[in-house]
PDB file of N, CA and C in Angstrom:
ATOM      1  N   MET A   1     -30.856  54.996  31.293  1.00  0.00           N
ATOM      2  CA  MET A   1     -29.421  55.881  32.003  1.00  0.00           C
ATOM      3  C   MET A   1     -29.247  56.793  30.558  1.00  0.00           C
ATOM      4  N   THR A   2     -28.302  57.436  30.107  1.00  0.00           N
ATOM      5  CA  THR A   2     -27.901  57.674  29.285  1.00  0.00           C
ATOM      6  C   THR A   2     -26.340  57.455  28.754  1.00  0.00           C
ATOM      7  N   SER A   3     -26.117  57.426  28.025  1.00  0.00           N
ATOM      8  CA  SER A   3     -24.880  56.725  27.090  1.00  0.00           C
ATOM      9  C   SER A   3     -23.823  57.764  27.458  1.00  0.00           C
ATOM     10  N   PRO A   4     -22.538  58.135  27.745  1.00  0.00           N
ATOM     11  CA  PRO A   4     -21.588  58.534  27.768  1.00  0.00           C
ATOM     12  C   PRO A   4     -21.127  58.928  26.228  1.00  0.00           C
ATOM     13  N   TYR A   5     -20.896  57.865  24.686  1.00  0.00           N
ATOM     14  CA  TYR A   5     -20.904  58.216  23.550  1.00  0.00           C
ATOM     15  C   TYR A   5     -21.958  58.571  22.624  1.00  0.00           C
ATOM     16  N   LEU A   6     -21.990  60.078  22.624  1.00  0.00           N
ATOM     17  CA  LEU A   6     -23.196  60.921  21.689  1.00  0.00           C
ATOM     18  C   LEU A   6     -22.785  60.068  20.327  1.00  0.00           C
ATOM     19  N   ILE A   7     -23.626  59.337  19.867  1.00  0.00           N
ATOM     20  CA  ILE A   7     -23.025  59.314  18.223  1.00  0.00           C
ATOM     21  C   ILE A   7     -24.120  60.774  17.018  1.00  0.00           C
ATOM     22  N   VAL A   8     -23.009  61.081  17.201  1.00  0.00           N
ATOM     23  CA  VAL A   8     -23.400  62.107  15.281  1.00  0.00           C
ATOM     24  C   VAL A   8     -22.719  62.332  14.412  1.00  0.00           C
ATOM     25  N   LEU A   9     -24.085  61.967  13.502  1.00  0.00           N
ATOM     26  CA  LEU A   9     -23.391  61.774  12.007  1.00  0.00           C
ATOM     27  C   LEU A   9     -23.115  62.616  10.772  1.00  0.00           C
ATOM     28  N   ASP A  10     -22.569  62.924  10.415  1.00  0.00           N
ATOM     29  CA  ASP A  10     -22.682  63.546   9.308  1.00  0.00           C
ATOM     30  C   ASP A  10     -23.824  62.764   7.990  1.00  0.00           C
ATOM     31  N   ALA A  11     -23.910  63.771   7.542  1.00  0.00           N
ATOM     32  CA  ALA A  11     -24.954  63.015   6.163  1.00  0.00           C
ATOM     33  C   ALA A  11     -24.125  62.378   5.572  1.00  0.00           C
ATOM     34  N   ALA A  12     -23.134  62.298   4.985  1.00  0.00           N
ATOM     35  CA  ALA A  12     -21.843  61.090   4.590  1.00  0.00           C
ATOM     36  C   ALA A  12     -21.830  59.712   5.465  1.00  0.00           C
ATOM     37  N   ASP A  13     -21.971  59.354   6.147  1.00  0.00           N
ATOM     38  CA  ASP A  13     -21.662  58.223   7.377  1.00  0.00           C
ATOM     39  C   ASP A  13     -23.154  58.211   7.024  1.00  0.00           C
ATOM     40  N   ARG A  14     -24.232  58.198   7.198  1.00  0.00           N
ATOM     41  CA  ARG A  14     -26.014  58.471   7.795  1.00  0.00           C
ATOM     42  C   ARG A  14     -26.001  57.814   6.172  1.00  0.00           C
ATOM     43  N   HIS A  15     -25.661  57.861   4.890  1.00  0.00           N
ATOM     44  CA  HIS A  15     -25.798  57.530   3.873  1.00  0.00           C
ATOM     45  C   HIS A  15     -25.164  56.212   3.759  1.00  0.00           C
ATOM     46  N   ARG A  16     -23.688  56.601   4.028  1.00  0.00           N
ATOM     47  CA  ARG A  16     -23.433  54.814   3.661  1.00  0.00           C
ATOM     48  C   ARG A  16     -23.617  54.084   5.164  1.00  0.00           C
ATOM     49  N   LEU A  17     -23.847  53.346   6.103  1.00  0.00           N
ATOM     50  CA  LEU A  17     -24.651  53.344   6.960  1.00  0.00           C
ATOM     51  C   LEU A  17     -26.123  52.815   6.342  1.00  0.00           C
ATOM     52  N   THR A  18     -26.862  53.309   6.200  1.00  0.00           N
ATOM     53  CA  THR A  18     -28.224  53.033   5.332  1.00  0.00           C
ATOM     54  C   THR A  18     -28.073  52.852   4.611  1.00  0.00           C
ATOM     55  N   ARG A  19     -27.117  52.363   3.718  1.00  0.00           N
ATOM     56  CA  ARG A  19     -27.016  51.869   2.230  1.00  0.00           C
ATOM     57  C   ARG A  19     -26.227  50.481   2.827  1.00  0.00           C
ATOM     58  N   TRP A  20     -25.609  50.048   3.428  1.00  0.00           N
ATOM     59  CA  TRP A  20     -25.695  48.935   4.549  1.00  0.00           C
ATOM     60  C   TRP A  20     -26.551  48.053   5.018  1.00  0.00           C
ATOM     61  N   VAL A  21     -27.193  48.925   5.121  1.00  0.00           N
ATOM     62  CA  VAL A  21     -28.287  48.234   5.675  1.00  0.00           C
ATOM     63  C   VAL A  21     -29.178  47.498   4.438  1.00  0.00           C
ATOM     64  N   TRP A  22     -29.698  48.653   3.802  1.00  0.00           N
ATOM     65  CA  TRP A  22     -30.291  48.194   2.396  1.00  0.00           C
ATOM     66  C   TRP A  22     -30.199  46.897   1.468  1.00  0.00           C
ATOM     67  N   ALA A  23     -29.002  47.131   1.923  1.00  0.00           N
ATOM     68  CA  ALA A  23     -28.019  46.396   0.005  1.00  0.00           C
ATOM     69  C   ALA A  23     -28.415  44.783   0.859  1.00  0.00           C
ATOM     70  N   GLY A  24     -28.456  43.990  -0.809  1.00  0.00           N
ATOM     71  CA  GLY A  24     -28.654  43.068  -0.060  1.00  0.00           C
ATOM     72  C   GLY A  24     -27.247  41.801   0.030  1.00  0.00           C
ATOM     73  N   SER A  25     -26.463  42.593  -0.468  1.00  0.00           N
ATOM     74  CA  SER A  25     -25.070  41.531  -0.088  1.00  0.00           C
ATOM     75  C   SER A  25     -24.119  42.101   1.187  1.00  0.00           C
ATOM     76  N   THR A  26     -24.477  42.753   2.408  1.00  0.00           N
ATOM     77  CA  THR A  26     -24.309  43.541   2.938  1.00  0.00           C
ATOM     78  C   THR A  26     -24.191  42.286   4.090  1.00  0.00           C
ATOM     79  N   PRO A  27     -22.627  42.038   4.384  1.00  0.00           N
ATOM     80  CA  PRO A  27     -22.617  40.609   5.470  1.00  0.00           C
ATOM     81  C   PRO A  27     -23.752  41.140   7.073  1.00  0.00           C
ATOM     82  N   GLN A  28     -24.571  40.559   7.497  1.00  0.00           N
ATOM     83  CA  GLN A  28     -25.922  40.785   8.449  1.00  0.00           C
ATOM     84  C   GLN A  28     -24.871  41.098   9.659  1.00  0.00           C
ATOM     85  N   LYS A  29     -23.813  40.951  10.231  1.00  0.00           N
ATOM     86  CA  LYS A  29     -23.085  41.443  11.305  1.00  0.00           C
ATOM     87  C   LYS A  29     -23.004  43.149  11.073  1.00  0.00           C
ATOM     88  N   LEU A  30     -22.674  43.530  10.188  1.00  0.00           N
ATOM     89  CA  LEU A  30     -22.534  44.572   9.715  1.00  0.00           C
ATOM     90  C   LEU A  30     -23.998  45.686   9.366  1.00  0.00           C
ATOM     91  N   VAL A  31     -25.092  44.295   8.861  1.00  0.00           N
ATOM     92  CA  VAL A  31     -25.749  45.344   9.123  1.00  0.00           C
ATOM     93  C   VAL A  31     -26.404  46.095  10.502  1.00  0.00           C
ATOM     94  N   LEU A  32     -26.191  44.557  10.968  1.00  0.00           N
ATOM     95  CA  LEU A  32     -27.170  44.755  12.910  1.00  0.00           C
ATOM     96  C   LEU A  32     -26.143  45.912  13.246  1.00  0.00           C
ATOM     97  N   ARG A  33     -24.579  45.795  13.516  1.00  0.00           N
ATOM     98  CA  ARG A  33     -23.903  47.135  13.723  1.00  0.00           C
ATOM     99  C   ARG A  33     -24.240  48.090  13.124  1.00  0.00           C
ATOM    100  N   ALA A  34     -24.806  48.561  11.487  1.00  0.00           N
ATOM    101  CA  ALA A  34     -25.176  49.688  11.317  1.00  0.00           C
ATOM    102  C   ALA A  34     -26.125  50.335  12.063  1.00  0.00           C
ATOM    103  N   LEU A  35     -27.264  49.605  12.164  1.00  0.00           N
ATOM    104  CA  LEU A  35     -28.573  49.479  13.171  1.00  0.00           C
ATOM    105  C   LEU A  35     -28.383  50.212  13.782  1.00  0.00           C
ATOM    106  N   ILE A  36     -27.429  49.633  15.006  1.00  0.00           N
ATOM    107  CA  ILE A  36     -27.196  50.437  15.962  1.00  0.00           C
ATOM    108  C   ILE A  36     -26.195  51.409  16.033  1.00  0.00           C
ATOM    109  N   VAL A  37     -25.862  51.631  15.111  1.00  0.00           N
ATOM    110  CA  VAL A  37     -24.958  53.128  15.573  1.00  0.00           C
ATOM    111  C   VAL A  37     -26.350  54.272  15.088  1.00  0.00           C
ATOM    112  N   LEU A  38     -27.013  53.903  13.388  1.00  0.00           N
ATOM    113  CA  LEU A  38     -28.232  54.830  13.434  1.00  0.00           C
ATOM    114  C   LEU A  38     -29.300  54.814  13.983  1.00  0.00           C
ATOM    115  N   LEU A  39     -29.609  53.956  14.904  1.00  0.00           N
ATOM    116  CA  LEU A  39     -30.876  54.380  15.978  1.00  0.00           C
ATOM    117  C   LEU A  39     -30.026  55.351  17.778  1.00  0.00           C
ATOM    118  N   ALA A  40     -28.852  54.771  17.307  1.00  0.00           N
ATOM    119  CA  ALA A  40     -27.734  55.334  18.671  1.00  0.00           C
ATOM    120  C   ALA A  40     -27.828  57.149  18.158  1.00  0.00           C
ATOM    121  N   ALA A  41     -27.493  56.810  17.156  1.00  0.00           N
ATOM    122  CA  ALA A  41     -28.014  58.627  16.488  1.00  0.00           C
ATOM    123  C   ALA A  41     -28.529  59.375  16.412  1.00  0.00           C
ATOM    124  N   ASP A  42     -29.957  58.567  16.229  1.00  0.00           N
ATOM    125  CA  ASP A  42     -31.153  59.209  16.089  1.00  0.00           C
ATOM    126  C   ASP A  42     -31.959  59.663  17.844  1.00  0.00           C
ATOM    127  N   GLY A  43     -30.698  58.798  18.706  1.00  0.00           N
ATOM    128  CA  GLY A  43     -31.737  59.720  20.268  1.00  0.00           C
ATOM    129  C   GLY A  43     -31.363  58.121  20.745  1.00  0.00           C
ATOM    130  N   ALA A  44     -31.173  57.315  20.785  1.00  0.00           N
ATOM    131  CA  ALA A  44     -32.224  55.909  21.761  1.00  0.00           C
ATOM    132  C   ALA A  44     -31.093  56.078  22.308  1.00  0.00           C
ATOM    133  N   SER A  45     -31.730  55.162  23.312  1.00  0.00           N
ATOM    134  CA  SER A  45     -30.725  54.470  24.298  1.00  0.00           C
ATOM    135  C   SER A  45     -30.254  53.273  23.847  1.00  0.00           C
ATOM    136  N   ASN A  46     -29.105  53.115  25.006  1.00  0.00           N
ATOM    137  CA  ASN A  46     -28.650  51.945  24.270  1.00  0.00           C
ATOM    138  C   ASN A  46     -29.971  50.006  24.839  1.00  0.00           C
ATOM    139  N   ALA A  47     -31.005  50.987  25.765  1.00  0.00           N
ATOM    140  CA  ALA A  47     -31.918  49.305  26.202  1.00  0.00           C
ATOM    141  C   ALA A  47     -33.143  49.982  24.856  1.00  0.00           C
ATOM    142  N   ALA A  48     -33.479  50.350  24.763  1.00  0.00           N
ATOM    143  CA  ALA A  48     -34.264  50.724  23.908  1.00  0.00           C
ATOM    144  C   ALA A  48     -34.045  50.271  22.462  1.00  0.00           C
ATOM    145  N   ILE A  49     -32.365  50.588  21.907  1.00  0.00           N
ATOM    146  CA  ILE A  49     -32.111  49.620  20.966  1.00  0.00           C
ATOM    147  C   ILE A  49     -32.028  48.189  20.777  1.00  0.00           C
ATOM    148  N   ALA A  50     -31.865  47.811  22.134  1.00  0.00           N
ATOM    149  CA  ALA A  50     -31.479  46.609  22.365  1.00  0.00           C
ATOM    150  C   ALA A  50     -32.909  45.693  22.253  1.00  0.00           C
ATOM    151  N   ASP A  51     -34.167  46.515  22.959  1.00  0.00           N
ATOM    152  CA  ASP A  51     -35.196  45.495  22.614  1.00  0.00           C
ATOM    153  C   ASP A  51     -35.751  45.996  20.962  1.00  0.00           C
ATOM    154  N   ALA A  52     -34.874  46.940  20.956  1.00  0.00           N
ATOM    155  CA  ALA A  52     -35.730  47.157  19.065  1.00  0.00           C
ATOM    156  C   ALA A  52     -35.239  45.853  18.305  1.00  0.00           C
ATOM    157  N   LEU A  53     -33.890  45.293  18.116  1.00  0.00           N
ATOM    158  CA  LEU A  53     -33.430  44.972  17.427  1.00  0.00           C
ATOM    159  C   LEU A  53     -32.812  43.762  18.306  1.00  0.00           C
ATOM    160  N   GLY A  54     -33.588  43.590  19.669  1.00  0.00           N
ATOM    161  CA  GLY A  54     -33.433  41.848  19.829  1.00  0.00           C
ATOM    162  C   GLY A  54     -32.234  41.296  20.453  1.00  0.00           C
ATOM    163  N   ILE A  55     -31.564  42.183  20.686  1.00  0.00           N
ATOM    164  CA  ILE A  55     -29.960  42.158  20.845  1.00  0.00           C
ATOM    165  C   ILE A  55     -29.993  42.217  22.413  1.00  0.00           C
ATOM    166  N   CYS A  56     -28.258  41.982  22.971  1.00  0.00           N
ATOM    167  CA  CYS A  56     -28.015  42.299  24.642  1.00  0.00           C
ATOM    168  C   CYS A  56     -27.956  43.915  24.537  1.00  0.00           C
ATOM    169  N   VAL A  57     -28.071  44.342  25.654  1.00  0.00           N
ATOM    170  CA  VAL A  57     -27.852  45.513  26.074  1.00  0.00           C
ATOM    171  C   VAL A  57     -26.601  46.046  26.038  1.00  0.00           C
ATOM    172  N   ASP A  58     -25.471  44.756  25.883  1.00  0.00           N
ATOM    173  CA  ASP A  58     -23.648  44.769  25.937  1.00  0.00           C
ATOM    174  C   ASP A  58     -23.389  45.131  24.685  1.00  0.00           C
ATOM    175  N   THR A  59     -24.213  44.700  23.610  1.00  0.00           N
ATOM    176  CA  THR A  59     -23.786  44.327  22.599  1.00  0.00           C
ATOM    177  C   THR A  59     -24.378  46.095  21.683  1.00  0.00           C
ATOM    178  N   ALA A  60     -25.376  46.757  22.010  1.00  0.00           N
ATOM    179  CA  ALA A  60     -25.383  47.682  21.617  1.00  0.00           C
ATOM    180  C   ALA A  60     -24.297  48.607  22.611  1.00  0.00           C
ATOM    181  N   ARG A  61     -24.159  48.710  23.473  1.00  0.00           N
ATOM    182  CA  ARG A  61     -23.290  49.369  24.326  1.00  0.00           C
ATOM    183  C   ARG A  61     -21.695  49.084  23.923  1.00  0.00           C
ATOM    184  N   LYS A  62     -21.034  48.003  23.320  1.00  0.00           N
ATOM    185  CA  LYS A  62     -20.029  47.403  22.460  1.00  0.00           C
ATOM    186  C   LYS A  62     -19.793  48.709  21.003  1.00  0.00           C
ATOM    187  N   TRP A  63     -20.433  48.172  20.519  1.00  0.00           N
ATOM    188  CA  TRP A  63     -20.816  49.115  19.573  1.00  0.00           C
ATOM    189  C   TRP A  63     -20.789  50.298  18.939  1.00  0.00           C
ATOM    190  N   ARG A  64     -22.122  50.607  19.772  1.00  0.00           N
ATOM    191  CA  ARG A  64     -21.881  52.522  19.886  1.00  0.00           C
ATOM    192  C   ARG A  64     -20.633  52.993  20.745  1.00  0.00           C
ATOM    193  N   ALA A  65     -19.712  52.215  21.348  1.00  0.00           N
ATOM    194  CA  ALA A  65     -18.475  52.705  22.328  1.00  0.00           C
ATOM    195  C   ALA A  65     -17.750  52.708  20.894  1.00  0.00           C
ATOM    196  N   ARG A  66     -17.624  51.663  19.984  1.00  0.00           N
ATOM    197  CA  ARG A  66     -16.658  51.433  19.014  1.00  0.00           C
ATOM    198  C   ARG A  66     -17.037  52.103  18.098  1.00  0.00           C
ATOM    199  N   PHE A  67     -17.690  52.748  18.159  1.00  0.00           N
ATOM    200  CA  PHE A  67     -18.183  53.238  16.488  1.00  0.00           C
ATOM    201  C   PHE A  67     -17.465  54.611  16.936  1.00  0.00           C
ATOM    202  N   HIS A  68     -17.921  55.393  18.428  1.00  0.00           N
ATOM    203  CA  HIS A  68     -17.678  56.730  18.985  1.00  0.00           C
ATOM    204  C   HIS A  68     -15.833  56.592  18.945  1.00  0.00           C
ATOM    205  N   ASP A  69     -15.123  55.813  19.317  1.00  0.00           N
ATOM    206  CA  ASP A  69     -13.935  55.373  18.874  1.00  0.00           C
ATOM    207  C   ASP A  69     -12.743  55.779  18.115  1.00  0.00           C
ATOM    208  N   LYS A  70     -13.657  54.956  17.195  1.00  0.00           N
ATOM    209  CA  LYS A  70     -12.626  54.400  15.407  1.00  0.00           C
ATOM    210  C   LYS A  70     -13.967  54.824  14.455  1.00  0.00           C
ATOM    211  N   GLY A  71     -14.316  55.337  14.520  1.00  0.00           N
ATOM    212  CA  GLY A  71     -15.632  55.663  13.213  1.00  0.00           C
ATOM    213  C   GLY A  71     -16.061  54.797  12.124  1.00  0.00           C
ATOM    214  N   ILE A  72     -16.396  54.571  11.267  1.00  0.00           N
ATOM    215  CA  ILE A  72     -16.983  53.280  10.314  1.00  0.00           C
ATOM    216  C   ILE A  72     -15.835  52.974  10.257  1.00  0.00           C
ATOM    217  N   ASP A  73     -14.455  52.709   9.925  1.00  0.00           N
ATOM    218  CA  ASP A  73     -13.810  51.424  10.115  1.00  0.00           C
ATOM    219  C   ASP A  73     -14.056  50.241  11.457  1.00  0.00           C
ATOM    220  N   GLY A  74     -14.326  50.810  12.789  1.00  0.00           N
ATOM    221  CA  GLY A  74     -14.230  50.391  14.050  1.00  0.00           C
ATOM    222  C   GLY A  74     -15.610  49.451  13.274  1.00  0.00           C
ATOM    223  N   LEU A  75     -16.428  49.307  12.822  1.00  0.00           N
ATOM    224  CA  LEU A  75     -17.663  48.440  13.174  1.00  0.00           C
ATOM    225  C   LEU A  75     -16.575  47.377  11.941  1.00  0.00           C
ATOM    226  N   ALA A  76     -15.855  47.000  11.031  1.00  0.00           N
ATOM    227  CA  ALA A  76     -15.827  46.157  11.064  1.00  0.00           C
ATOM    228  C   ALA A  76     -15.106  44.935  12.226  1.00  0.00           C
ATOM    229  N   ASP A  77     -15.192  43.896  11.522  1.00  0.00           N
ATOM    230  CA  ASP A  77     -14.290  42.924  13.093  1.00  0.00           C
ATOM    231  C   ASP A  77     -13.045  43.168  12.711  1.00  0.00           C
ATOM    232  N   ALA A  78     -12.701  43.324  14.225  1.00  0.00           N
ATOM    233  CA  ALA A  78     -10.859  43.147  14.951  1.00  0.00           C
ATOM    234  C   ALA A  78     -10.087  41.963  14.167  1.00  0.00           C
ATOM    235  N   PRO A  79      -8.826  42.158  13.719  1.00  0.00           N
ATOM    236  CA  PRO A  79      -8.067  41.470  13.501  1.00  0.00           C
ATOM    237  C   PRO A  79      -7.801  40.232  15.344  1.00  0.00           C
ATOM    238  N   ARG A  80      -7.952  38.768  14.377  1.00  0.00           N
ATOM    239  CA  ARG A  80      -8.034  38.331  15.370  1.00  0.00           C
ATOM    240  C   ARG A  80      -6.384  36.528  15.728  1.00  0.00           C
ATOM    241  N   SER A  81      -5.962  36.752  16.863  1.00  0.00           N
ATOM    242  CA  SER A  81      -5.257  35.209  16.523  1.00  0.00           C
ATOM    243  C   SER A  81      -5.822  34.444  16.223  1.00  0.00           C
ATOM    244  N   GLY A  82      -4.498  33.787  15.631  1.00  0.00           N
ATOM    245  CA  GLY A  82      -4.867  32.812  15.712  1.00  0.00           C
ATOM    246  C   GLY A  82      -2.987  31.482  14.859  1.00  0.00           C
ATOM    247  N   ARG A  83      -3.221  30.158  14.191  1.00  0.00           N
ATOM    248  CA  ARG A  83      -2.113  29.627  14.494  1.00  0.00           C
ATOM    249  C   ARG A  83      -1.155  30.448  13.303  1.00  0.00           C
ATOM    250  N   PRO A  84       0.027  30.431  13.673  1.00  0.00           N
ATOM    251  CA  PRO A  84       0.565  31.082  12.174  1.00  0.00           C
ATOM    252  C   PRO A  84       1.101  30.205  11.115  1.00  0.00           C
ATOM    253  N   PRO A  85       1.364  31.204   9.760  1.00  0.00           N
ATOM    254  CA  PRO A  85       0.889  30.154   8.885  1.00  0.00           C
ATOM    255  C   PRO A  85       1.908  28.937   8.379  1.00  0.00           C
ATOM    256  N   ILE A  86       2.192  28.224   8.070  1.00  0.00           N
ATOM    257  CA  ILE A  86       3.030  27.083   7.895  1.00  0.00           C
ATOM    258  C   ILE A  86       4.282  27.844   6.845  1.00  0.00           C
ATOM    259  N   TYR A  87       3.626  28.051   5.784  1.00  0.00           N
ATOM    260  CA  TYR A  87       4.624  28.139   4.322  1.00  0.00           C
ATOM    261  C   TYR A  87       5.043  29.441   4.563  1.00  0.00           C
ATOM    262  N   THR A  88       6.136  29.585   4.751  1.00  0.00           N
ATOM    263  CA  THR A  88       6.212  31.125   3.954  1.00  0.00           C
ATOM    264  C   THR A  88       6.093  31.775   2.385  1.00  0.00           C
ATOM    265  N   PRO A  89       5.825  32.898   2.020  1.00  0.00           N
ATOM    266  CA  PRO A  89       5.426  33.790   1.107  1.00  0.00           C
ATOM    267  C   PRO A  89       6.582  33.675  -0.023  1.00  0.00           C
ATOM    268  N   ALA A  90       7.785  32.942   0.253  1.00  0.00           N
ATOM    269  CA  ALA A  90       8.858  32.409  -0.882  1.00  0.00           C
ATOM    270  C   ALA A  90       8.035  30.922  -0.844  1.00  0.00           C
ATOM    271  N   ASP A  91       8.043  30.056   0.032  1.00  0.00           N
ATOM    272  CA  ASP A  91       7.054  28.892  -0.322  1.00  0.00           C
ATOM    273  C   ASP A  91       6.298  28.415  -1.195  1.00  0.00           C
ATOM    274  N   ARG A  92       5.425  29.224  -1.007  1.00  0.00           N
ATOM    275  CA  ARG A  92       4.224  29.370  -2.025  1.00  0.00           C
ATOM    276  C   ARG A  92       4.667  30.465  -3.203  1.00  0.00           C
ATOM    277  N   ALA A  93       5.510  31.424  -3.370  1.00  0.00           N
ATOM    278  CA  ALA A  93       5.917  31.474  -4.288  1.00  0.00           C
ATOM    279  C   ALA A  93       6.419  30.365  -5.690  1.00  0.00           C
ATOM    280  N   THR A  94       7.594  29.621  -4.510  1.00  0.00           N
ATOM    281  CA  THR A  94       7.548  27.718  -5.251  1.00  0.00           C
ATOM    282  C   THR A  94       6.765  27.359  -5.707  1.00  0.00           C
ATOM    283  N   VAL A  95       5.700  27.462  -5.225  1.00  0.00           N
ATOM    284  CA  VAL A  95       4.849  26.365  -5.906  1.00  0.00           C
ATOM    285  C   VAL A  95       3.724  26.662  -6.099  1.00  0.00           C
TER     286      VAL A  95
END
């Protein structure tokens, strides 16, 4: 089954994602996401991507869709909710 999210990369985006994959300092979660997008741009199905990378098909589907909707910036982690800060910026400046 083909994905409704066709990934087309321009040369700059492909170069940037490839640099992420080959750089030793890139967090591994970003490397995986970049590989998913690169394989999708080469025409691989979500199932083929999942098999090649040893991940779940849903993971490939999620990052393909997120890249399609938000571009490279969408590959970063989304903000998460958490406990509000205890100290205000004014309190921190005082300390």
